[in-house]
Amino acid sequence: MYKIIVQKSAEKFIRKQPKPQQQKIYDAIKNLPYTGDIVKLKGYSIKYRLRVNDYRIIFDKYDDKLIIDIINADNRGQVYKHL
């Protein structure tokens, strides 16, 4: 079972969303890394993105430590500018 860590910037963005979207995002994060629309980002060894409707969640997955670190969450056009 992976331990999920959510960084402050991602938590702040999620909390600003309406309640139904917050619940969808948290449900998708809770099921990481097993289900969801997950794609490994090109050019990075441990970075992945999770798609939840129009939102994107960027996370690092450390298989050796069983840790998922949610580093950013934003709208689909904005999230990649912060990498």
N, C-alpha and C. Protein backbone atom coordinates (compact mmCIF):
# COMPACT_ATOMS: atom_id res chain seq x y z
N MET A 1 0.85 -1.18 0.00
CA MET A 1 0.00 0.00 0.00
C MET A 1 0.90 1.25 0.00
N TYR A 2 0.62 2.14 -0.91
CA TYR A 2 1.40 3.36 -1.03
C TYR A 2 0.94 4.41 0.00
N LYS A 3 1.90 5.14 0.54
CA LYS A 3 1.60 6.28 1.39
C LYS A 3 1.49 7.49 0.48
N ILE A 4 0.41 8.27 0.61
CA ILE A 4 0.19 9.42 -0.25
C ILE A 4 0.43 10.70 0.54
N ILE A 5 1.32 11.54 -0.01
CA ILE A 5 1.65 12.83 0.59
C ILE A 5 1.18 13.92 -0.36
N VAL A 6 0.41 14.87 0.14
CA VAL A 6 -0.10 15.97 -0.69
C VAL A 6 0.60 17.26 -0.26
N GLN A 7 1.30 17.89 -1.19
CA GLN A 7 2.00 19.14 -0.90
C GLN A 7 0.99 20.27 -0.72
N LYS A 8 1.41 21.33 -0.03
CA LYS A 8 0.52 22.45 0.29
C LYS A 8 -0.07 23.12 -0.94
N SER A 9 0.73 23.30 -1.99
CA SER A 9 0.21 23.99 -3.18
C SER A 9 -0.90 23.19 -3.84
N ALA A 10 -0.76 21.87 -3.89
CA ALA A 10 -1.81 21.03 -4.47
C ALA A 10 -3.05 21.04 -3.58
N GLU A 11 -2.85 20.95 -2.27
CA GLU A 11 -3.97 20.97 -1.32
C GLU A 11 -4.74 22.28 -1.42
N LYS A 12 -4.02 23.38 -1.57
CA LYS A 12 -4.64 24.70 -1.67
C LYS A 12 -5.52 24.79 -2.91
N PHE A 13 -5.04 24.30 -4.04
CA PHE A 13 -5.83 24.33 -5.27
C PHE A 13 -7.07 23.47 -5.13
N ILE A 14 -6.93 22.28 -4.58
CA ILE A 14 -8.07 21.37 -4.46
C ILE A 14 -9.14 21.97 -3.55
N ARG A 15 -8.73 22.58 -2.47
CA ARG A 15 -9.69 23.16 -1.51
C ARG A 15 -10.46 24.34 -2.10
N LYS A 16 -9.92 24.99 -3.13
CA LYS A 16 -10.61 26.12 -3.77
C LYS A 16 -11.71 25.67 -4.73
N GLN A 17 -11.73 24.39 -5.07
CA GLN A 17 -12.71 23.87 -6.01
C GLN A 17 -14.05 23.62 -5.32
N PRO A 18 -15.14 23.59 -6.10
CA PRO A 18 -16.45 23.26 -5.51
C PRO A 18 -16.43 21.86 -4.89
N LYS A 19 -17.28 21.64 -3.90
CA LYS A 19 -17.29 20.38 -3.15
C LYS A 19 -17.38 19.13 -4.02
N PRO A 20 -18.26 19.08 -5.03
CA PRO A 20 -18.32 17.84 -5.84
C PRO A 20 -17.00 17.54 -6.56
N GLN A 21 -16.33 18.57 -7.08
CA GLN A 21 -15.04 18.37 -7.73
C GLN A 21 -13.97 17.96 -6.74
N GLN A 22 -14.00 18.55 -5.54
CA GLN A 22 -13.05 18.16 -4.50
C GLN A 22 -13.17 16.67 -4.21
N GLN A 23 -14.41 16.21 -4.09
CA GLN A 23 -14.63 14.80 -3.77
C GLN A 23 -14.12 13.89 -4.88
N LYS A 24 -14.35 14.27 -6.15
CA LYS A 24 -13.85 13.48 -7.28
C LYS A 24 -12.33 13.42 -7.28
N ILE A 25 -11.70 14.55 -7.01
CA ILE A 25 -10.23 14.60 -7.01
C ILE A 25 -9.68 13.74 -5.88
N TYR A 26 -10.24 13.89 -4.68
CA TYR A 26 -9.75 13.10 -3.54
C TYR A 26 -9.99 11.61 -3.74
N ASP A 27 -11.12 11.24 -4.35
CA ASP A 27 -11.37 9.82 -4.63
C ASP A 27 -10.35 9.27 -5.62
N ALA A 28 -10.02 10.06 -6.64
CA ALA A 28 -9.03 9.63 -7.62
C ALA A 28 -7.64 9.50 -6.99
N ILE A 29 -7.28 10.44 -6.12
CA ILE A 29 -5.99 10.39 -5.44
C ILE A 29 -5.92 9.18 -4.52
N LYS A 30 -7.01 8.87 -3.85
CA LYS A 30 -7.05 7.75 -2.92
C LYS A 30 -6.78 6.42 -3.63
N ASN A 31 -7.17 6.31 -4.91
CA ASN A 31 -7.00 5.07 -5.67
C ASN A 31 -5.65 4.98 -6.37
N LEU A 32 -4.79 5.98 -6.22
CA LEU A 32 -3.47 5.92 -6.84
C LEU A 32 -2.66 4.78 -6.25
N PRO A 33 -1.78 4.18 -6.96
CA PRO A 33 -1.45 4.27 -8.38
C PRO A 33 -2.15 3.22 -9.23
N TYR A 34 -3.21 2.62 -8.73
CA TYR A 34 -3.80 1.45 -9.37
C TYR A 34 -4.84 1.76 -10.43
N THR A 35 -5.66 2.79 -10.23
CA THR A 35 -6.71 3.10 -11.20
C THR A 35 -6.68 4.58 -11.56
N GLY A 36 -7.29 4.91 -12.66
CA GLY A 36 -7.37 6.28 -13.11
C GLY A 36 -6.64 6.47 -14.42
N ASP A 37 -6.79 7.64 -14.99
CA ASP A 37 -6.13 7.99 -16.24
C ASP A 37 -4.74 8.52 -15.90
N ILE A 38 -3.78 7.60 -15.78
CA ILE A 38 -2.42 7.93 -15.35
C ILE A 38 -1.47 7.77 -16.53
N VAL A 39 -0.65 8.78 -16.75
CA VAL A 39 0.34 8.74 -17.83
C VAL A 39 1.68 9.19 -17.27
N LYS A 40 2.73 8.47 -17.62
CA LYS A 40 4.09 8.87 -17.23
C LYS A 40 4.50 10.05 -18.09
N LEU A 41 5.07 11.08 -17.47
CA LEU A 41 5.48 12.28 -18.21
C LEU A 41 6.81 12.03 -18.91
N LYS A 42 6.87 12.40 -20.17
CA LYS A 42 8.09 12.21 -20.94
C LYS A 42 9.18 13.14 -20.43
N GLY A 43 10.39 12.62 -20.39
CA GLY A 43 11.52 13.40 -19.96
C GLY A 43 11.78 13.35 -18.46
N TYR A 44 10.92 12.66 -17.72
CA TYR A 44 11.07 12.53 -16.27
C TYR A 44 11.05 11.06 -15.90
N SER A 45 11.82 10.70 -14.89
CA SER A 45 11.90 9.28 -14.52
C SER A 45 10.80 8.85 -13.56
N ILE A 46 10.33 9.75 -12.69
CA ILE A 46 9.35 9.34 -11.68
C ILE A 46 8.09 10.19 -11.69
N LYS A 47 7.95 11.13 -12.62
CA LYS A 47 6.79 12.01 -12.64
C LYS A 47 5.66 11.41 -13.48
N TYR A 48 4.45 11.52 -12.95
CA TYR A 48 3.25 11.04 -13.61
C TYR A 48 2.18 12.11 -13.51
N ARG A 49 1.15 11.98 -14.34
CA ARG A 49 0.01 12.87 -14.22
C ARG A 49 -1.26 12.03 -14.15
N LEU A 50 -2.19 12.51 -13.37
CA LEU A 50 -3.50 11.90 -13.21
C LEU A 50 -4.52 12.88 -13.75
N ARG A 51 -5.40 12.43 -14.62
CA ARG A 51 -6.44 13.30 -15.17
C ARG A 51 -7.75 13.03 -14.45
N VAL A 52 -8.36 14.11 -13.95
CA VAL A 52 -9.68 14.05 -13.33
C VAL A 52 -10.50 15.17 -13.96
N ASN A 53 -11.34 14.82 -14.93
CA ASN A 53 -12.11 15.79 -15.71
C ASN A 53 -11.16 16.81 -16.34
N ASP A 54 -11.31 18.10 -16.04
CA ASP A 54 -10.43 19.13 -16.61
C ASP A 54 -9.25 19.45 -15.71
N TYR A 55 -9.07 18.69 -14.65
CA TYR A 55 -7.99 18.92 -13.70
C TYR A 55 -6.87 17.91 -13.93
N ARG A 56 -5.65 18.34 -13.63
CA ARG A 56 -4.50 17.46 -13.72
C ARG A 56 -3.77 17.47 -12.39
N ILE A 57 -3.39 16.30 -11.95
CA ILE A 57 -2.63 16.14 -10.72
C ILE A 57 -1.27 15.57 -11.10
N ILE A 58 -0.20 16.26 -10.76
CA ILE A 58 1.15 15.81 -11.05
C ILE A 58 1.72 15.18 -9.77
N PHE A 59 2.28 13.98 -9.92
CA PHE A 59 2.82 13.31 -8.74
C PHE A 59 4.08 12.54 -9.08
N ASP A 60 4.90 12.35 -8.04
CA ASP A 60 6.10 11.52 -8.12
C ASP A 60 5.76 10.20 -7.46
N LYS A 61 6.19 9.10 -8.08
CA LYS A 61 5.93 7.77 -7.53
C LYS A 61 7.25 7.10 -7.23
N TYR A 62 7.48 6.80 -5.95
CA TYR A 62 8.69 6.14 -5.50
C TYR A 62 8.33 4.69 -5.16
N ASP A 63 8.62 3.78 -6.09
CA ASP A 63 8.25 2.38 -5.90
C ASP A 63 9.06 1.71 -4.80
N ASP A 64 10.32 2.11 -4.64
CA ASP A 64 11.16 1.48 -3.62
C ASP A 64 10.72 1.82 -2.20
N LYS A 65 10.15 3.02 -2.01
CA LYS A 65 9.71 3.45 -0.68
C LYS A 65 8.19 3.35 -0.51
N LEU A 66 7.47 3.01 -1.60
CA LEU A 66 6.01 2.95 -1.60
C LEU A 66 5.39 4.29 -1.19
N ILE A 67 5.87 5.36 -1.83
CA ILE A 67 5.38 6.71 -1.55
C ILE A 67 4.92 7.36 -2.84
N ILE A 68 3.78 8.04 -2.77
CA ILE A 68 3.30 8.89 -3.86
C ILE A 68 3.25 10.30 -3.31
N ASP A 69 3.95 11.21 -3.98
CA ASP A 69 4.05 12.60 -3.55
C ASP A 69 3.30 13.47 -4.56
N ILE A 70 2.13 13.99 -4.17
CA ILE A 70 1.33 14.87 -5.02
C ILE A 70 2.00 16.24 -4.97
N ILE A 71 2.61 16.64 -6.09
CA ILE A 71 3.38 17.88 -6.05
C ILE A 71 2.63 19.08 -6.61
N ASN A 72 1.62 18.83 -7.47
CA ASN A 72 0.89 19.95 -8.06
C ASN A 72 -0.47 19.49 -8.54
N ALA A 73 -1.44 20.38 -8.48
CA ALA A 73 -2.76 20.16 -9.03
C ALA A 73 -3.22 21.49 -9.60
N ASP A 74 -3.80 21.45 -10.80
CA ASP A 74 -4.23 22.68 -11.44
C ASP A 74 -5.12 22.34 -12.62
N ASN A 75 -5.61 23.37 -13.30
CA ASN A 75 -6.37 23.16 -14.52
C ASN A 75 -5.45 22.62 -15.60
N ARG A 76 -6.02 21.99 -16.60
CA ARG A 76 -5.18 21.25 -17.54
C ARG A 76 -4.20 22.12 -18.31
N GLY A 77 -4.52 23.38 -18.58
CA GLY A 77 -3.60 24.23 -19.32
C GLY A 77 -2.50 24.83 -18.48
N GLN A 78 -2.69 24.89 -17.17
CA GLN A 78 -1.76 25.58 -16.29
C GLN A 78 -0.78 24.68 -15.57
N VAL A 79 -1.13 23.42 -15.37
CA VAL A 79 -0.35 22.55 -14.49
C VAL A 79 1.06 22.28 -15.01
N TYR A 80 1.23 22.21 -16.30
CA TYR A 80 2.52 21.86 -16.87
C TYR A 80 3.51 23.03 -16.86
N LYS A 81 3.04 24.24 -16.64
CA LYS A 81 3.93 25.42 -16.59
C LYS A 81 4.77 25.43 -15.33
N HIS A 82 4.35 24.69 -14.30
CA HIS A 82 5.03 24.72 -13.02
C HIS A 82 6.02 23.58 -12.85
N LEU A 83 6.29 22.82 -13.90
CA LEU A 83 7.24 21.71 -13.79
C LEU A 83 8.60 22.25 -13.91
